[in-house]
Amino acid sequence: MFVRFRNGPLGVKSLVSTSLICSGLEDFLGGFPPDFWVSDRYGGQMGWAAVDNQVRLTHLIRAAQYVDAGDDIFAPELRHLLGRACRIGRRQSLADTTLKIYAARLNTRLDGLMRLSPACETGVNLHRMIKKRTR
């Protein structure tokens, strides 16, 4: 079961469906897509945002762990980077300037990771997906 919420002028609307993508989603959004859509990596969840789609870190971490079994170059380092991002995110009391510093460090580290060549096909696919999402 999947639940979606939308803030409207009269409060919050919800939509419950039994599938990842439902035929009523366009009606639910009322012709006003959100600026950002947070989802898993399922293709049917992409394209609903007006500005950009964001992928849940937990799904990326799971993908990196799966790839980690055959790739000892890219996936393990990506998994550590995503873990670091999650640990930073749990620290609710960080100042905006501190968050900007951490974000710059994470982006620099990600840039370095993107220069690596994965050792297996699933690693190459993960690398390609990350590259596509960070353009």
N, C-alpha and C. Protein backbone atom coordinates (compact mmCIF):
# COMPACT_ATOMS: atom_id res chain seq x y z
N MET A 1 0.84 -1.17 0.00
CA MET A 1 0.00 0.00 0.00
C MET A 1 0.89 1.24 0.00
N PHE A 2 0.54 2.22 -0.83
CA PHE A 2 1.32 3.43 -0.95
C PHE A 2 0.41 4.62 -0.67
N VAL A 3 0.90 5.55 0.13
CA VAL A 3 0.13 6.72 0.51
C VAL A 3 0.87 7.95 0.01
N ARG A 4 0.14 8.84 -0.63
CA ARG A 4 0.73 10.08 -1.12
C ARG A 4 -0.04 11.24 -0.49
N PHE A 5 0.66 12.32 -0.20
CA PHE A 5 0.04 13.49 0.42
C PHE A 5 0.27 14.71 -0.46
N ARG A 6 -0.66 15.63 -0.40
CA ARG A 6 -0.53 16.88 -1.14
C ARG A 6 -1.12 17.99 -0.29
N ASN A 7 -0.36 19.07 -0.13
CA ASN A 7 -0.88 20.25 0.57
C ASN A 7 -1.73 21.05 -0.40
N GLY A 8 -2.92 21.37 0.01
CA GLY A 8 -3.82 22.17 -0.82
C GLY A 8 -4.30 23.36 -0.03
N PRO A 9 -5.10 24.21 -0.67
CA PRO A 9 -5.58 25.41 0.02
C PRO A 9 -6.47 25.09 1.22
N LEU A 10 -7.07 23.92 1.22
CA LEU A 10 -7.96 23.54 2.32
C LEU A 10 -7.34 22.51 3.26
N GLY A 11 -6.05 22.29 3.13
CA GLY A 11 -5.39 21.32 3.99
C GLY A 11 -4.63 20.28 3.18
N VAL A 12 -4.49 19.12 3.76
CA VAL A 12 -3.72 18.05 3.14
C VAL A 12 -4.65 17.01 2.54
N LYS A 13 -4.39 16.64 1.30
CA LYS A 13 -5.13 15.56 0.64
C LYS A 13 -4.25 14.32 0.67
N SER A 14 -4.86 13.17 0.71
CA SER A 14 -4.08 11.94 0.63
C SER A 14 -4.68 11.02 -0.42
N LEU A 15 -3.83 10.17 -0.98
CA LEU A 15 -4.23 9.19 -1.98
C LEU A 15 -3.58 7.88 -1.60
N VAL A 16 -4.37 6.85 -1.49
CA VAL A 16 -3.87 5.52 -1.13
C VAL A 16 -4.04 4.62 -2.34
N SER A 17 -2.97 3.92 -2.71
CA SER A 17 -3.06 2.98 -3.83
C SER A 17 -2.28 1.72 -3.49
N THR A 18 -2.56 0.69 -4.23
CA THR A 18 -1.88 -0.59 -4.00
C THR A 18 -0.71 -0.79 -4.94
N SER A 19 -0.42 0.19 -5.79
CA SER A 19 0.70 0.06 -6.71
C SER A 19 1.61 1.28 -6.59
N LEU A 20 2.84 1.13 -7.10
CA LEU A 20 3.80 2.23 -7.04
C LEU A 20 3.33 3.43 -7.84
N ILE A 21 2.71 3.18 -8.96
CA ILE A 21 2.21 4.27 -9.78
C ILE A 21 0.73 4.01 -10.01
N CYS A 22 -0.08 4.99 -9.84
CA CYS A 22 -1.52 4.77 -9.97
C CYS A 22 -2.09 5.70 -11.03
N SER A 23 -3.14 5.26 -11.65
CA SER A 23 -3.75 6.03 -12.74
C SER A 23 -4.36 7.33 -12.24
N GLY A 24 -4.70 7.42 -10.99
CA GLY A 24 -5.33 8.61 -10.45
C GLY A 24 -4.36 9.68 -9.99
N LEU A 25 -3.07 9.48 -10.20
CA LEU A 25 -2.09 10.42 -9.68
C LEU A 25 -2.18 11.79 -10.36
N GLU A 26 -2.42 11.82 -11.66
CA GLU A 26 -2.56 13.11 -12.35
C GLU A 26 -3.73 13.89 -11.79
N ASP A 27 -4.86 13.23 -11.59
CA ASP A 27 -6.02 13.90 -10.99
C ASP A 27 -5.72 14.36 -9.58
N PHE A 28 -5.01 13.52 -8.84
CA PHE A 28 -4.64 13.84 -7.46
C PHE A 28 -3.80 15.11 -7.40
N LEU A 29 -2.86 15.24 -8.34
CA LEU A 29 -2.00 16.43 -8.36
C LEU A 29 -2.75 17.66 -8.87
N GLY A 30 -3.89 17.44 -9.51
CA GLY A 30 -4.72 18.56 -9.93
C GLY A 30 -4.07 19.49 -10.94
N GLY A 31 -3.18 18.98 -11.76
CA GLY A 31 -2.52 19.83 -12.75
C GLY A 31 -1.42 20.70 -12.17
N PHE A 32 -1.11 20.51 -10.91
CA PHE A 32 -0.07 21.29 -10.25
C PHE A 32 0.98 20.36 -9.66
N PRO A 33 1.93 19.92 -10.47
CA PRO A 33 2.95 19.01 -9.95
C PRO A 33 3.82 19.71 -8.91
N PRO A 34 4.32 18.96 -7.94
CA PRO A 34 5.20 19.57 -6.94
C PRO A 34 6.53 19.95 -7.60
N ASP A 35 7.23 20.91 -7.01
CA ASP A 35 8.55 21.27 -7.53
C ASP A 35 9.49 20.08 -7.48
N PHE A 36 9.45 19.34 -6.37
CA PHE A 36 10.33 18.19 -6.18
C PHE A 36 9.50 16.97 -5.83
N TRP A 37 9.87 15.83 -6.39
CA TRP A 37 9.17 14.57 -6.16
C TRP A 37 10.18 13.61 -5.56
N VAL A 38 9.93 13.13 -4.37
CA VAL A 38 10.82 12.19 -3.69
C VAL A 38 10.27 10.78 -3.90
N SER A 39 11.12 9.88 -4.40
CA SER A 39 10.64 8.54 -4.70
C SER A 39 11.78 7.53 -4.63
N ASP A 40 11.42 6.29 -4.90
CA ASP A 40 12.45 5.28 -5.08
C ASP A 40 12.96 5.40 -6.52
N ARG A 41 13.69 4.43 -7.01
CA ARG A 41 14.26 4.52 -8.35
C ARG A 41 13.38 3.90 -9.42
N TYR A 42 12.16 3.51 -9.08
CA TYR A 42 11.22 2.92 -10.03
C TYR A 42 10.88 3.95 -11.12
N GLY A 43 11.01 3.54 -12.38
CA GLY A 43 10.81 4.45 -13.50
C GLY A 43 9.46 5.14 -13.52
N GLY A 44 8.41 4.46 -13.08
CA GLY A 44 7.08 5.05 -13.06
C GLY A 44 6.95 6.19 -12.07
N GLN A 45 7.89 6.30 -11.14
CA GLN A 45 7.86 7.38 -10.16
C GLN A 45 8.58 8.63 -10.66
N MET A 46 9.29 8.51 -11.76
CA MET A 46 10.05 9.64 -12.29
C MET A 46 9.15 10.53 -13.16
N GLY A 47 9.50 11.79 -13.25
CA GLY A 47 8.81 12.69 -14.16
C GLY A 47 7.60 13.41 -13.60
N TRP A 48 7.30 13.23 -12.33
CA TRP A 48 6.13 13.90 -11.76
C TRP A 48 6.45 15.29 -11.22
N ALA A 49 7.72 15.63 -11.08
CA ALA A 49 8.11 16.91 -10.49
C ALA A 49 8.21 18.00 -11.55
N ALA A 50 7.92 19.23 -11.15
CA ALA A 50 8.06 20.37 -12.05
C ALA A 50 9.53 20.74 -12.21
N VAL A 51 10.33 20.58 -11.15
CA VAL A 51 11.74 20.97 -11.18
C VAL A 51 12.66 19.76 -11.25
N ASP A 52 12.57 18.87 -10.27
CA ASP A 52 13.50 17.74 -10.22
C ASP A 52 12.94 16.60 -9.38
N ASN A 53 13.38 15.41 -9.69
CA ASN A 53 13.05 14.22 -8.91
C ASN A 53 14.19 13.95 -7.94
N GLN A 54 13.86 13.65 -6.72
CA GLN A 54 14.88 13.29 -5.73
C GLN A 54 14.68 11.83 -5.35
N VAL A 55 15.79 11.13 -5.24
CA VAL A 55 15.75 9.70 -4.91
C VAL A 55 16.10 9.54 -3.43
N ARG A 56 15.37 8.69 -2.75
CA ARG A 56 15.63 8.45 -1.33
C ARG A 56 17.03 7.86 -1.15
N LEU A 57 17.77 8.39 -0.18
CA LEU A 57 19.12 7.88 0.09
C LEU A 57 19.11 6.41 0.44
N THR A 58 18.08 5.97 1.14
CA THR A 58 18.04 4.56 1.53
C THR A 58 18.02 3.65 0.31
N HIS A 59 17.38 4.08 -0.75
CA HIS A 59 17.34 3.27 -1.98
C HIS A 59 18.71 3.26 -2.66
N LEU A 60 19.41 4.39 -2.62
CA LEU A 60 20.75 4.43 -3.20
C LEU A 60 21.72 3.58 -2.38
N ILE A 61 21.58 3.64 -1.06
CA ILE A 61 22.45 2.83 -0.20
C ILE A 61 22.22 1.35 -0.47
N ARG A 62 20.96 0.95 -0.59
CA ARG A 62 20.65 -0.45 -0.88
C ARG A 62 21.24 -0.86 -2.23
N ALA A 63 21.13 0.00 -3.23
CA ALA A 63 21.69 -0.31 -4.55
C ALA A 63 23.21 -0.43 -4.47
N ALA A 64 23.84 0.46 -3.71
CA ALA A 64 25.30 0.40 -3.56
C ALA A 64 25.72 -0.87 -2.82
N GLN A 65 24.96 -1.30 -1.83
CA GLN A 65 25.29 -2.53 -1.11
C GLN A 65 25.16 -3.74 -2.03
N TYR A 66 24.16 -3.73 -2.89
CA TYR A 66 23.96 -4.83 -3.83
C TYR A 66 25.14 -4.89 -4.81
N VAL A 67 25.53 -3.73 -5.34
CA VAL A 67 26.63 -3.66 -6.30
C VAL A 67 27.96 -3.97 -5.62
N ASP A 68 28.05 -3.61 -4.34
CA ASP A 68 29.27 -3.81 -3.56
C ASP A 68 29.76 -5.26 -3.62
N ALA A 69 28.85 -6.19 -3.82
CA ALA A 69 29.23 -7.61 -3.87
C ALA A 69 30.14 -7.90 -5.06
N GLY A 70 30.05 -7.12 -6.15
CA GLY A 70 30.87 -7.39 -7.31
C GLY A 70 31.81 -6.27 -7.68
N ASP A 71 31.72 -5.15 -7.00
CA ASP A 71 32.54 -3.98 -7.34
C ASP A 71 33.25 -3.50 -6.08
N ASP A 72 34.56 -3.58 -6.08
CA ASP A 72 35.31 -3.14 -4.90
C ASP A 72 35.96 -1.78 -5.11
N ILE A 73 35.52 -1.05 -6.14
CA ILE A 73 36.12 0.25 -6.45
C ILE A 73 35.14 1.39 -6.17
N PHE A 74 34.02 1.40 -6.88
CA PHE A 74 33.08 2.52 -6.82
C PHE A 74 32.02 2.37 -5.74
N ALA A 75 31.32 1.25 -5.75
CA ALA A 75 30.16 1.05 -4.86
C ALA A 75 30.47 1.19 -3.38
N PRO A 76 31.57 0.59 -2.87
CA PRO A 76 31.82 0.73 -1.43
C PRO A 76 32.05 2.19 -1.02
N GLU A 77 32.76 2.93 -1.87
CA GLU A 77 33.02 4.34 -1.55
C GLU A 77 31.74 5.17 -1.63
N LEU A 78 30.89 4.86 -2.59
CA LEU A 78 29.60 5.55 -2.69
C LEU A 78 28.75 5.25 -1.47
N ARG A 79 28.74 4.01 -1.04
CA ARG A 79 27.97 3.63 0.15
C ARG A 79 28.45 4.40 1.37
N HIS A 80 29.75 4.56 1.52
CA HIS A 80 30.29 5.32 2.66
C HIS A 80 29.90 6.81 2.55
N LEU A 81 29.94 7.35 1.34
CA LEU A 81 29.55 8.75 1.14
C LEU A 81 28.08 8.96 1.50
N LEU A 82 27.21 8.06 1.05
CA LEU A 82 25.79 8.18 1.36
C LEU A 82 25.53 8.01 2.86
N GLY A 83 26.27 7.11 3.48
CA GLY A 83 26.15 6.94 4.93
C GLY A 83 26.54 8.21 5.67
N ARG A 84 27.59 8.87 5.19
CA ARG A 84 28.02 10.13 5.78
C ARG A 84 26.92 11.19 5.63
N ALA A 85 26.31 11.25 4.45
CA ALA A 85 25.22 12.21 4.23
C ALA A 85 24.07 11.95 5.19
N CYS A 86 23.75 10.68 5.42
CA CYS A 86 22.67 10.33 6.36
C CYS A 86 23.03 10.74 7.78
N ARG A 87 24.27 10.51 8.17
CA ARG A 87 24.69 10.90 9.54
C ARG A 87 24.61 12.41 9.71
N ILE A 88 25.00 13.16 8.70
CA ILE A 88 24.90 14.62 8.76
C ILE A 88 23.43 15.03 8.86
N GLY A 89 22.57 14.38 8.09
CA GLY A 89 21.15 14.70 8.09
C GLY A 89 20.47 14.46 9.42
N ARG A 90 20.99 13.53 10.20
CA ARG A 90 20.39 13.25 11.52
C ARG A 90 20.76 14.31 12.55
N ARG A 91 21.73 15.14 12.25
CA ARG A 91 22.16 16.18 13.20
C ARG A 91 21.32 17.43 12.96
N GLN A 92 20.18 17.48 13.61
CA GLN A 92 19.18 18.52 13.37
C GLN A 92 19.62 19.93 13.75
N SER A 93 20.56 20.05 14.65
CA SER A 93 20.90 21.38 15.18
C SER A 93 22.06 22.05 14.46
N LEU A 94 22.47 21.56 13.31
CA LEU A 94 23.60 22.17 12.60
C LEU A 94 23.20 23.51 12.00
N ALA A 95 24.12 24.46 12.07
CA ALA A 95 23.89 25.78 11.48
C ALA A 95 23.94 25.69 9.96
N ASP A 96 23.29 26.63 9.29
CA ASP A 96 23.28 26.64 7.83
C ASP A 96 24.69 26.68 7.24
N THR A 97 25.56 27.47 7.86
CA THR A 97 26.94 27.56 7.34
C THR A 97 27.66 26.22 7.47
N THR A 98 27.43 25.52 8.55
CA THR A 98 28.03 24.20 8.74
C THR A 98 27.50 23.23 7.70
N LEU A 99 26.20 23.27 7.44
CA LEU A 99 25.61 22.40 6.42
C LEU A 99 26.19 22.69 5.04
N LYS A 100 26.42 23.96 4.73
CA LYS A 100 27.02 24.32 3.44
C LYS A 100 28.44 23.77 3.32
N ILE A 101 29.18 23.82 4.40
CA ILE A 101 30.54 23.27 4.40
C ILE A 101 30.50 21.76 4.18
N TYR A 102 29.62 21.09 4.92
CA TYR A 102 29.48 19.63 4.74
C TYR A 102 29.05 19.29 3.32
N ALA A 103 28.10 20.06 2.78
CA ALA A 103 27.63 19.80 1.41
C ALA A 103 28.76 19.95 0.40
N ALA A 104 29.58 20.98 0.58
CA ALA A 104 30.72 21.19 -0.33
C ALA A 104 31.69 20.02 -0.24
N ARG A 105 31.95 19.55 0.97
CA ARG A 105 32.86 18.40 1.14
C ARG A 105 32.29 17.14 0.49
N LEU A 106 30.98 16.90 0.69
CA LEU A 106 30.34 15.73 0.08
C LEU A 106 30.38 15.82 -1.45
N ASN A 107 30.12 17.01 -1.99
CA ASN A 107 30.16 17.18 -3.44
C ASN A 107 31.56 16.98 -3.99
N THR A 108 32.57 17.46 -3.28
CA THR A 108 33.96 17.25 -3.71
C THR A 108 34.29 15.76 -3.70
N ARG A 109 33.87 15.09 -2.65
CA ARG A 109 34.12 13.65 -2.56
C ARG A 109 33.37 12.89 -3.65
N LEU A 110 32.14 13.30 -3.95
CA LEU A 110 31.37 12.67 -5.02
C LEU A 110 32.05 12.90 -6.37
N ASP A 111 32.56 14.10 -6.60
CA ASP A 111 33.28 14.37 -7.84
C ASP A 111 34.46 13.42 -8.00
N GLY A 112 35.17 13.16 -6.91
CA GLY A 112 36.28 12.21 -6.95
C GLY A 112 35.81 10.80 -7.25
N LEU A 113 34.69 10.41 -6.65
CA LEU A 113 34.13 9.08 -6.91
C LEU A 113 33.72 8.91 -8.36
N MET A 114 33.21 9.97 -8.95
CA MET A 114 32.74 9.87 -10.33
C MET A 114 33.89 9.72 -11.32
N ARG A 115 35.11 9.97 -10.88
CA ARG A 115 36.28 9.74 -11.74
C ARG A 115 36.75 8.29 -11.68
N LEU A 116 36.18 7.50 -10.77
CA LEU A 116 36.55 6.09 -10.67
C LEU A 116 35.84 5.27 -11.74
N SER A 117 36.42 4.14 -12.09
CA SER A 117 35.81 3.21 -13.05
C SER A 117 35.37 1.96 -12.30
N PRO A 118 34.07 1.71 -12.22
CA PRO A 118 33.57 0.51 -11.53
C PRO A 118 34.11 -0.77 -12.17
N ALA A 119 34.17 -1.82 -11.35
CA ALA A 119 34.80 -3.07 -11.78
C ALA A 119 33.82 -4.07 -12.38
N CYS A 120 32.51 -3.82 -12.33
CA CYS A 120 31.55 -4.79 -12.86
C CYS A 120 30.39 -4.05 -13.53
N GLU A 121 29.58 -4.79 -14.27
CA GLU A 121 28.49 -4.19 -15.03
C GLU A 121 27.47 -3.48 -14.13
N THR A 122 27.12 -4.09 -13.00
CA THR A 122 26.16 -3.44 -12.11
C THR A 122 26.75 -2.16 -11.52
N GLY A 123 28.06 -2.16 -11.28
CA GLY A 123 28.74 -0.96 -10.82
C GLY A 123 28.72 0.14 -11.88
N VAL A 124 28.92 -0.25 -13.13
CA VAL A 124 28.86 0.70 -14.24
C VAL A 124 27.45 1.30 -14.34
N ASN A 125 26.43 0.47 -14.19
CA ASN A 125 25.04 0.96 -14.24
C ASN A 125 24.75 1.93 -13.11
N LEU A 126 25.20 1.61 -11.90
CA LEU A 126 25.01 2.51 -10.76
C LEU A 126 25.75 3.83 -11.00
N HIS A 127 26.98 3.74 -11.49
CA HIS A 127 27.80 4.92 -11.80
C HIS A 127 27.07 5.81 -12.81
N ARG A 128 26.52 5.19 -13.85
CA ARG A 128 25.80 5.92 -14.90
C ARG A 128 24.56 6.61 -14.31
N MET A 129 23.83 5.91 -13.44
CA MET A 129 22.63 6.48 -12.84
C MET A 129 22.98 7.68 -11.95
N ILE A 130 24.05 7.55 -11.16
CA ILE A 130 24.48 8.67 -10.30
C ILE A 130 24.90 9.85 -11.17
N LYS A 131 25.65 9.57 -12.22
CA LYS A 131 26.11 10.64 -13.11
C LYS A 131 24.93 11.38 -13.74
N LYS A 132 23.92 10.63 -14.17
CA LYS A 132 22.73 11.22 -14.78
C LYS A 132 22.00 12.12 -13.79
N ARG A 133 21.90 11.70 -12.54
CA ARG A 133 21.16 12.45 -11.53
C ARG A 133 21.92 13.66 -11.00
N THR A 134 23.24 13.74 -11.23
CA THR A 134 24.02 14.84 -10.66
C THR A 134 24.46 15.86 -11.69
N ARG A 135 23.92 15.79 -12.89
CA ARG A 135 24.30 16.76 -13.93
C ARG A 135 23.84 18.14 -13.57
